Amino acid sequence: MTNIPSPQAVFPIGVNTEIGAQLEDLASALKTSVRRQAPAKHWQLINRVIAYAASAEQHISEQQERIRELEALSSTDELTGLHNRRGLQDFMSRTLITSRRHGETGVLAFMDLNDFKEINDRYGHDTGDQALCAFADTIRTNLRGSDFVARLGGDEFVFVLTRANEGNGCKRALTIQREVSATSISVRGRKIFLTASMGLAFYGGDSSFNDLMTTADKAMYDNKKANKLVTKKSP
């Protein structure tokens, strides 16, 4: 006669302990029923086992969905819905592996919203959040599906242009910077136009994430200093 396996051997660890105990009792009773050749009781027990198995499967499915939700939260910026630093690290890890294998190149751009502290101080943090969301949306809508954007925190953002050489990558990044400068938010009956400083780093097969971030961050601060000098010289 075919042996009926224990529920502990069939169902994964994590199934509700009460369900597991009842399955074990039912399996034991089912073995006895089969030996006694009581078909009606046999099928009744099988139906009960199936019902408990379905319940256990639903329980596991719900737990897995919750895990996926938590993983998404851990790599997503709550305000803008963009990825955060962890999401960026995961993306760049995969991207640089592909770059080493297939010789693909691209550009990493570090962007910082200009005068963000002044917006917060003058108009309040709600307006500051509005500016960040508008900034994020402008970057996001100007990227391809294969590109990537993340908010690191505060007013710092990073976007990645994949499968781009130095020439067209720089051109596209500058276009996005200009699009940001054409973006405005409405506050107290007036428009506030956003501007951003940007630094670029180009990656290839021998690049590392930390070096790219350091290079792009420094280039962004150089760009911000240059922008402030231009502003001071303006009449």
Foldseek 3Di string as FASTA:
>chain_A
DDQDDQVPVVDDPPFPVVLSVVLRVLSVVLVVCVVVVDVVVNVVSVVVNVVSVVVRVVVVVVVVVVVVVVVLVVQADPLQRFGEPVVVVVVVVVQLVCQQVPVWKWKKKKKFWPPLVVCCVPANVVVSSVLLNQLSVLLVVLADPVKGKYAHDDRIIMIMHIRDDPVVRVVSVVVSQVSQQVDWDDDPRDTDRIHMFMFMDMDGNPDDPVVRVVRGVVRRVVRVVVVVVVVVPDD
